[in-house]
Amino acid sequence: MKTIKFRFGLLALAIFSFISCSNEPNPEQGIYGPGIYVTNEGNFGQSNGSISYIPRNTYNVYNNIFANANDNAILGDVVQSINMHKNKAYIVVNNSNKVVVVNAENFKISATITDRELPRYIAFLNNKAYLSEWVNFTGNGKISVIDLSSNTVTKSITVGKLPEKLLIHNNRLYVTNSSDSLVHIINLSSETVESTLTVGDWPNSIVLDKNN
């Protein structure tokens, strides 16, 4: 019995090692992992935006990883931002009015969320995404609520002018509105604007400090 248990243990270890190695990041083979992902906007109107990848343990730069993974497909015009959620990467392409969803490991296209209106940044809570959209350059912007199981927009919430980066904390979404000095606070249970704060000119970024 002891011999059988020992052999089974070796077999299990060998299988675990094989599975682990097969998923290790190897950018040369188009397999990505923890690291830095750079959005390159490209030239306005030329649809030549791209994504670069820098592994954490080297200073090597791997350019055009989206095109390389998708038969030289064009990512779009003005690649604005990228954010990760679970096993997917969500690439917001501003002037192409879309969000491209890819598998985070190999960057192959999983879905495309189209018909957005000058989208900027995306944040996540559970199985929903919240996307800031300028809509236009003079009027109010909006937050689109996206069901990640179907990658469809289920609701739009009107916010201030030119909404930019987002922060989710304590079931609330904080929206910086860069053109009117406002931060909108959205209650994510009701998905309605709960309150509005007036801050300095042109707010565009927001972070949570170590003390919450």
C-alpha atoms as a PDB file:
ATOM      1  CA  MET A   1       0.000   0.000   0.000  1.00  0.00           C
ATOM      2  CA  LYS A   2       2.816   2.391   0.795  1.00  0.00           C
ATOM      3  CA  THR A   3       4.383   1.819  -2.623  1.00  0.00           C
ATOM      4  CA  ILE A   4       1.095   2.488  -4.405  1.00  0.00           C
ATOM      5  CA  LYS A   5       0.532   5.721  -2.499  1.00  0.00           C
ATOM      6  CA  PHE A   6       4.076   6.890  -3.264  1.00  0.00           C
ATOM      7  CA  ARG A   7       3.708   6.239  -6.976  1.00  0.00           C
ATOM      8  CA  PHE A   8       0.365   8.026  -7.063  1.00  0.00           C
ATOM      9  CA  GLY A   9       1.963  10.998  -5.366  1.00  0.00           C
ATOM     10  CA  LEU A  10       4.671  11.173  -8.025  1.00  0.00           C
ATOM     11  CA  LEU A  11       2.078  10.963 -10.795  1.00  0.00           C
ATOM     12  CA  ALA A  12       0.011  13.785  -9.279  1.00  0.00           C
ATOM     13  CA  LEU A  13       3.114  15.942  -8.919  1.00  0.00           C
ATOM     14  CA  ALA A  14       4.089  15.341 -12.543  1.00  0.00           C
ATOM     15  CA  ILE A  15       0.629  16.307 -13.803  1.00  0.00           C
ATOM     16  CA  PHE A  16       0.577  19.462 -11.640  1.00  0.00           C
ATOM     17  CA  SER A  17       4.000  20.493 -12.922  1.00  0.00           C
ATOM     18  CA  PHE A  18       2.968  19.994 -16.544  1.00  0.00           C
ATOM     19  CA  ILE A  19      -0.194  22.062 -16.151  1.00  0.00           C
ATOM     20  CA  SER A  20       1.640  24.813 -14.316  1.00  0.00           C
ATOM     21  CA  CYS A  21       4.397  25.070 -16.913  1.00  0.00           C
ATOM     22  CA  SER A  22       1.938  25.136 -19.792  1.00  0.00           C
ATOM     23  CA  ASN A  23       0.382  28.353 -18.425  1.00  0.00           C
ATOM     24  CA  GLU A  24       3.562  30.207 -17.558  1.00  0.00           C
ATOM     25  CA  PRO A  25       3.916  33.614 -19.253  1.00  0.00           C
ATOM     26  CA  ASN A  26       6.050  33.456 -22.390  1.00  0.00           C
ATOM     27  CA  PRO A  27       5.619  36.569 -24.548  1.00  0.00           C
ATOM     28  CA  GLU A  28       7.733  35.004 -27.301  1.00  0.00           C
ATOM     29  CA  GLN A  29       4.964  32.430 -27.703  1.00  0.00           C
ATOM     30  CA  GLY A  30       2.109  34.897 -27.227  1.00  0.00           C
ATOM     31  CA  ILE A  31       1.331  33.938 -23.627  1.00  0.00           C
ATOM     32  CA  TYR A  32       1.095  36.884 -21.230  1.00  0.00           C
ATOM     33  CA  GLY A  33       0.887  37.248 -17.462  1.00  0.00           C
ATOM     34  CA  PRO A  34       1.551  39.734 -14.659  1.00  0.00           C
ATOM     35  CA  GLY A  35       3.223  42.826 -16.022  1.00  0.00           C
ATOM     36  CA  ILE A  36       2.675  46.288 -17.414  1.00  0.00           C
ATOM     37  CA  TYR A  37       0.254  46.833 -20.291  1.00  0.00           C
ATOM     38  CA  VAL A  38       0.718  50.082 -22.215  1.00  0.00           C
ATOM     39  CA  THR A  39      -2.014  51.659 -24.330  1.00  0.00           C
ATOM     40  CA  ASN A  40      -0.589  53.444 -27.374  1.00  0.00           C
ATOM     41  CA  GLU A  41      -3.254  55.823 -28.667  1.00  0.00           C
ATOM     42  CA  GLY A  42      -1.875  56.016 -32.198  1.00  0.00           C
ATOM     43  CA  ASN A  43      -2.564  58.933 -34.528  1.00  0.00           C
ATOM     44  CA  PHE A  44      -6.028  60.461 -34.409  1.00  0.00           C
ATOM     45  CA  GLY A  45      -8.104  59.296 -37.348  1.00  0.00           C
ATOM     46  CA  GLN A  46      -5.644  56.646 -38.518  1.00  0.00           C
ATOM     47  CA  SER A  47      -6.812  53.603 -36.496  1.00  0.00           C
ATOM     48  CA  ASN A  48      -3.254  52.615 -35.597  1.00  0.00           C
ATOM     49  CA  GLY A  49      -3.579  52.311 -31.806  1.00  0.00           C
ATOM     50  CA  SER A  50      -1.895  49.333 -30.157  1.00  0.00           C
ATOM     51  CA  ILE A  51      -1.020  47.568 -26.898  1.00  0.00           C
ATOM     52  CA  SER A  52       2.493  46.923 -25.573  1.00  0.00           C
ATOM     53  CA  TYR A  53       3.478  44.483 -22.810  1.00  0.00           C
ATOM     54  CA  ILE A  54       6.390  44.723 -20.364  1.00  0.00           C
ATOM     55  CA  PRO A  55       6.994  41.677 -18.090  1.00  0.00           C
ATOM     56  CA  ARG A  56       7.626  42.418 -14.437  1.00  0.00           C
ATOM     57  CA  ASN A  57      10.978  40.656 -14.335  1.00  0.00           C
ATOM     58  CA  THR A  58      12.606  42.232 -17.417  1.00  0.00           C
ATOM     59  CA  TYR A  59      12.831  45.493 -19.303  1.00  0.00           C
ATOM     60  CA  ASN A  60      11.853  43.840 -22.570  1.00  0.00           C
ATOM     61  CA  VAL A  61       9.016  45.464 -24.500  1.00  0.00           C
ATOM     62  CA  TYR A  62       6.642  43.454 -26.667  1.00  0.00           C
ATOM     63  CA  ASN A  63       4.738  45.723 -29.047  1.00  0.00           C
ATOM     64  CA  ASN A  64       1.547  45.149 -31.048  1.00  0.00           C
ATOM     65  CA  ILE A  65       0.464  42.187 -28.935  1.00  0.00           C
ATOM     66  CA  PHE A  66      -3.191  42.569 -29.957  1.00  0.00           C
ATOM     67  CA  ALA A  67      -2.410  42.558 -33.679  1.00  0.00           C
ATOM     68  CA  ASN A  68       0.011  39.649 -33.269  1.00  0.00           C
ATOM     69  CA  ALA A  69      -2.620  37.560 -31.487  1.00  0.00           C
ATOM     70  CA  ASN A  70      -5.418  38.311 -33.958  1.00  0.00           C
ATOM     71  CA  ASP A  71      -3.972  37.936 -37.465  1.00  0.00           C
ATOM     72  CA  ASN A  72      -2.922  41.607 -37.653  1.00  0.00           C
ATOM     73  CA  ALA A  73      -6.413  42.838 -36.852  1.00  0.00           C
ATOM     74  CA  ILE A  74      -6.770  46.609 -36.403  1.00  0.00           C
ATOM     75  CA  LEU A  75      -7.476  47.543 -32.791  1.00  0.00           C
ATOM     76  CA  GLY A  76      -8.859  50.982 -33.577  1.00  0.00           C
ATOM     77  CA  ASP A  77      -8.583  54.745 -33.390  1.00  0.00           C
ATOM     78  CA  VAL A  78      -7.292  56.268 -30.111  1.00  0.00           C
ATOM     79  CA  VAL A  79      -6.725  53.395 -27.708  1.00  0.00           C
ATOM     80  CA  GLN A  80      -7.666  55.201 -24.501  1.00  0.00           C
ATOM     81  CA  SER A  81      -7.268  52.722 -21.648  1.00  0.00           C
ATOM     82  CA  ILE A  82      -7.106  49.099 -20.571  1.00  0.00           C
ATOM     83  CA  ASN A  83      -8.315  47.337 -17.444  1.00  0.00           C
ATOM     84  CA  MET A  84      -8.266  43.709 -16.305  1.00  0.00           C
ATOM     85  CA  HIS A  85     -11.138  41.780 -14.768  1.00  0.00           C
ATOM     86  CA  LYS A  86     -10.852  38.100 -13.924  1.00  0.00           C
ATOM     87  CA  ASN A  87      -9.432  36.404 -17.028  1.00  0.00           C
ATOM     88  CA  LYS A  88     -10.268  39.159 -19.507  1.00  0.00           C
ATOM     89  CA  ALA A  89      -8.693  42.448 -20.592  1.00  0.00           C
ATOM     90  CA  TYR A  90     -11.036  45.272 -21.597  1.00  0.00           C
ATOM     91  CA  ILE A  91      -9.533  47.727 -24.092  1.00  0.00           C
ATOM     92  CA  VAL A  92     -11.389  51.037 -24.437  1.00  0.00           C
ATOM     93  CA  VAL A  93     -10.987  52.546 -27.926  1.00  0.00           C
ATOM     94  CA  ASN A  94     -12.178  56.129 -27.743  1.00  0.00           C
ATOM     95  CA  ASN A  95     -12.628  57.372 -31.306  1.00  0.00           C
ATOM     96  CA  SER A  96     -13.735  53.971 -32.593  1.00  0.00           C
ATOM     97  CA  ASN A  97     -16.552  54.016 -30.015  1.00  0.00           C
ATOM     98  CA  LYS A  98     -16.019  50.502 -28.723  1.00  0.00           C
ATOM     99  CA  VAL A  99     -14.581  48.259 -26.029  1.00  0.00           C
ATOM    100  CA  VAL A 100     -12.597  45.260 -27.235  1.00  0.00           C
ATOM    101  CA  VAL A 101     -12.618  42.276 -24.877  1.00  0.00           C
ATOM    102  CA  VAL A 102      -9.705  39.847 -25.103  1.00  0.00           C
ATOM    103  CA  ASN A 103      -8.494  36.766 -23.264  1.00  0.00           C
ATOM    104  CA  ALA A 104      -5.886  38.110 -20.828  1.00  0.00           C
ATOM    105  CA  GLU A 105      -3.561  35.143 -21.320  1.00  0.00           C
ATOM    106  CA  ASN A 106      -3.191  35.248 -25.116  1.00  0.00           C
ATOM    107  CA  PHE A 107      -4.949  38.506 -26.128  1.00  0.00           C
ATOM    108  CA  LYS A 108      -7.249  36.818 -28.612  1.00  0.00           C
ATOM    109  CA  ILE A 109     -10.557  38.619 -29.163  1.00  0.00           C
ATOM    110  CA  SER A 110     -13.409  37.380 -27.005  1.00  0.00           C
ATOM    111  CA  ALA A 111     -16.042  40.048 -27.761  1.00  0.00           C
ATOM    112  CA  THR A 112     -16.540  43.634 -28.897  1.00  0.00           C
ATOM    113  CA  ILE A 113     -18.915  46.067 -27.198  1.00  0.00           C
ATOM    114  CA  THR A 114     -19.874  48.529 -29.927  1.00  0.00           C
ATOM    115  CA  ASP A 115     -21.970  51.688 -30.365  1.00  0.00           C
ATOM    116  CA  ARG A 116     -20.387  53.521 -27.435  1.00  0.00           C
ATOM    117  CA  GLU A 117     -20.064  57.299 -27.477  1.00  0.00           C
ATOM    118  CA  LEU A 118     -16.453  58.429 -27.019  1.00  0.00           C
ATOM    119  CA  PRO A 119     -15.688  55.930 -24.219  1.00  0.00           C
ATOM    120  CA  ARG A 120     -12.856  56.653 -21.793  1.00  0.00           C
ATOM    121  CA  TYR A 121     -12.368  54.366 -18.763  1.00  0.00           C
ATOM    122  CA  ILE A 122     -13.880  51.194 -17.332  1.00  0.00           C
ATOM    123  CA  ALA A 123     -14.289  49.818 -13.795  1.00  0.00           C
ATOM    124  CA  PHE A 124     -15.748  46.559 -12.459  1.00  0.00           C
ATOM    125  CA  LEU A 125     -17.829  45.219  -9.612  1.00  0.00           C
ATOM    126  CA  ASN A 126     -18.891  41.580  -9.562  1.00  0.00           C
ATOM    127  CA  ASN A 127     -20.372  40.768 -12.965  1.00  0.00           C
ATOM    128  CA  LYS A 128     -20.880  44.353 -14.112  1.00  0.00           C
ATOM    129  CA  ALA A 129     -18.682  46.963 -15.755  1.00  0.00           C
ATOM    130  CA  TYR A 130     -19.093  50.724 -15.616  1.00  0.00           C
ATOM    131  CA  LEU A 131     -17.850  52.698 -18.611  1.00  0.00           C
ATOM    132  CA  SER A 132     -17.381  56.463 -18.722  1.00  0.00           C
ATOM    133  CA  GLU A 133     -18.413  58.026 -22.044  1.00  0.00           C
ATOM    134  CA  TRP A 134     -18.044  61.634 -23.128  1.00  0.00           C
ATOM    135  CA  VAL A 135     -20.987  61.369 -25.575  1.00  0.00           C
ATOM    136  CA  ASN A 136     -19.986  64.753 -27.038  1.00  0.00           C
ATOM    137  CA  PHE A 137     -17.688  67.656 -26.205  1.00  0.00           C
ATOM    138  CA  THR A 138     -20.223  70.136 -24.811  1.00  0.00           C
ATOM    139  CA  GLY A 139     -23.084  68.325 -23.072  1.00  0.00           C
ATOM    140  CA  ASN A 140     -23.405  65.808 -20.268  1.00  0.00           C
ATOM    141  CA  GLY A 141     -21.607  62.500 -20.421  1.00  0.00           C
ATOM    142  CA  LYS A 142     -22.813  59.159 -19.141  1.00  0.00           C
ATOM    143  CA  ILE A 143     -21.881  55.940 -17.395  1.00  0.00           C
ATOM    144  CA  SER A 144     -22.896  52.813 -19.273  1.00  0.00           C
ATOM    145  CA  VAL A 145     -23.676  49.760 -17.146  1.00  0.00           C
ATOM    146  CA  ILE A 146     -22.512  46.589 -18.885  1.00  0.00           C
ATOM    147  CA  ASP A 147     -23.582  43.034 -18.089  1.00  0.00           C
ATOM    148  CA  LEU A 148     -20.341  41.060 -18.428  1.00  0.00           C
ATOM    149  CA  SER A 149     -22.085  37.732 -18.988  1.00  0.00           C
ATOM    150  CA  SER A 150     -23.467  39.022 -22.293  1.00  0.00           C
ATOM    151  CA  ASN A 151     -21.288  42.119 -22.878  1.00  0.00           C
ATOM    152  CA  THR A 152     -24.395  44.211 -23.404  1.00  0.00           C
ATOM    153  CA  VAL A 153     -25.315  47.633 -22.042  1.00  0.00           C
ATOM    154  CA  THR A 154     -28.247  47.411 -19.639  1.00  0.00           C
ATOM    155  CA  LYS A 155     -28.482  51.006 -18.439  1.00  0.00           C
ATOM    156  CA  SER A 156     -27.073  54.498 -18.935  1.00  0.00           C
ATOM    157  CA  ILE A 157     -26.611  56.990 -16.094  1.00  0.00           C
ATOM    158  CA  THR A 158     -26.256  60.692 -16.928  1.00  0.00           C
ATOM    159  CA  VAL A 159     -23.296  62.423 -15.252  1.00  0.00           C
ATOM    160  CA  GLY A 160     -21.313  65.630 -15.819  1.00  0.00           C
ATOM    161  CA  LYS A 161     -19.340  66.878 -18.799  1.00  0.00           C
ATOM    162  CA  LEU A 162     -16.426  64.805 -20.130  1.00  0.00           C
ATOM    163  CA  PRO A 163     -16.400  62.037 -17.485  1.00  0.00           C
ATOM    164  CA  GLU A 164     -13.008  60.440 -17.025  1.00  0.00           C
ATOM    165  CA  LYS A 165     -11.535  57.991 -14.498  1.00  0.00           C
ATOM    166  CA  LEU A 166     -13.632  56.008 -12.055  1.00  0.00           C
ATOM    167  CA  LEU A 167     -13.317  54.560  -8.563  1.00  0.00           C
ATOM    168  CA  ILE A 168     -15.513  51.947  -6.905  1.00  0.00           C
ATOM    169  CA  HIS A 169     -15.578  51.910  -3.094  1.00  0.00           C
ATOM    170  CA  ASN A 170     -18.209  50.738  -0.596  1.00  0.00           C
ATOM    171  CA  ASN A 171     -20.704  49.954  -3.364  1.00  0.00           C
ATOM    172  CA  ARG A 172     -20.421  53.444  -4.799  1.00  0.00           C
ATOM    173  CA  LEU A 173     -18.967  54.627  -8.070  1.00  0.00           C
ATOM    174  CA  TYR A 174     -17.057  57.913  -8.025  1.00  0.00           C
ATOM    175  CA  VAL A 175     -16.956  59.644 -11.418  1.00  0.00           C
ATOM    176  CA  THR A 176     -14.576  62.509 -12.214  1.00  0.00           C
ATOM    177  CA  ASN A 177     -16.172  64.962 -14.663  1.00  0.00           C
ATOM    178  CA  SER A 178     -13.290  66.875 -16.156  1.00  0.00           C
ATOM    179  CA  SER A 179     -15.142  69.741 -17.845  1.00  0.00           C
ATOM    180  CA  ASP A 180     -17.339  70.960 -14.990  1.00  0.00           C
ATOM    181  CA  SER A 181     -15.309  70.442 -11.765  1.00  0.00           C
ATOM    182  CA  LEU A 182     -17.696  67.820 -10.409  1.00  0.00           C
ATOM    183  CA  VAL A 183     -17.444  64.331  -8.939  1.00  0.00           C
ATOM    184  CA  HIS A 184     -20.649  62.328  -9.194  1.00  0.00           C
ATOM    185  CA  ILE A 185     -21.260  59.577  -6.631  1.00  0.00           C
ATOM    186  CA  ILE A 186     -23.435  56.745  -7.936  1.00  0.00           C
ATOM    187  CA  ASN A 187     -25.081  54.245  -5.586  1.00  0.00           C
ATOM    188  CA  LEU A 188     -24.505  50.898  -7.282  1.00  0.00           C
ATOM    189  CA  SER A 189     -27.463  49.218  -5.596  1.00  0.00           C
ATOM    190  CA  SER A 190     -29.943  51.595  -7.220  1.00  0.00           C
ATOM    191  CA  GLU A 191     -27.598  52.651 -10.051  1.00  0.00           C
ATOM    192  CA  THR A 192     -28.601  56.284  -9.577  1.00  0.00           C
ATOM    193  CA  VAL A 193     -26.634  59.434  -8.772  1.00  0.00           C
ATOM    194  CA  GLU A 194     -26.666  59.778  -4.998  1.00  0.00           C
ATOM    195  CA  SER A 195     -24.757  63.033  -4.601  1.00  0.00           C
ATOM    196  CA  THR A 196     -22.418  65.453  -6.370  1.00  0.00           C
ATOM    197  CA  LEU A 197     -19.226  67.066  -5.083  1.00  0.00           C
ATOM    198  CA  THR A 198     -17.646  70.264  -6.384  1.00  0.00           C
ATOM    199  CA  VAL A 199     -13.840  70.049  -6.587  1.00  0.00           C
ATOM    200  CA  GLY A 200     -11.054  71.941  -8.378  1.00  0.00           C
ATOM    201  CA  ASP A 201     -10.828  72.635 -12.081  1.00  0.00           C
ATOM    202  CA  TRP A 202     -10.669  69.750 -14.562  1.00  0.00           C
ATOM    203  CA  PRO A 203     -10.722  66.654 -12.300  1.00  0.00           C
ATOM    204  CA  ASN A 204      -9.708  63.570 -14.263  1.00  0.00           C
ATOM    205  CA  SER A 205      -8.170  61.007 -11.880  1.00  0.00           C
ATOM    206  CA  ILE A 206      -9.077  59.459  -8.546  1.00  0.00           C
ATOM    207  CA  VAL A 207      -7.473  56.902  -6.201  1.00  0.00           C
ATOM    208  CA  LEU A 208      -8.216  55.360  -2.807  1.00  0.00           C
ATOM    209  CA  ASP A 209      -5.608  55.902  -0.102  1.00  0.00           C
ATOM    210  CA  LYS A 210      -4.405  53.295   2.417  1.00  0.00           C
ATOM    211  CA  ASN A 211      -6.908  54.548   5.010  1.00  0.00           C
ATOM    212  CA  ASN A 212      -9.875  54.087   2.650  1.00  0.00           C
END
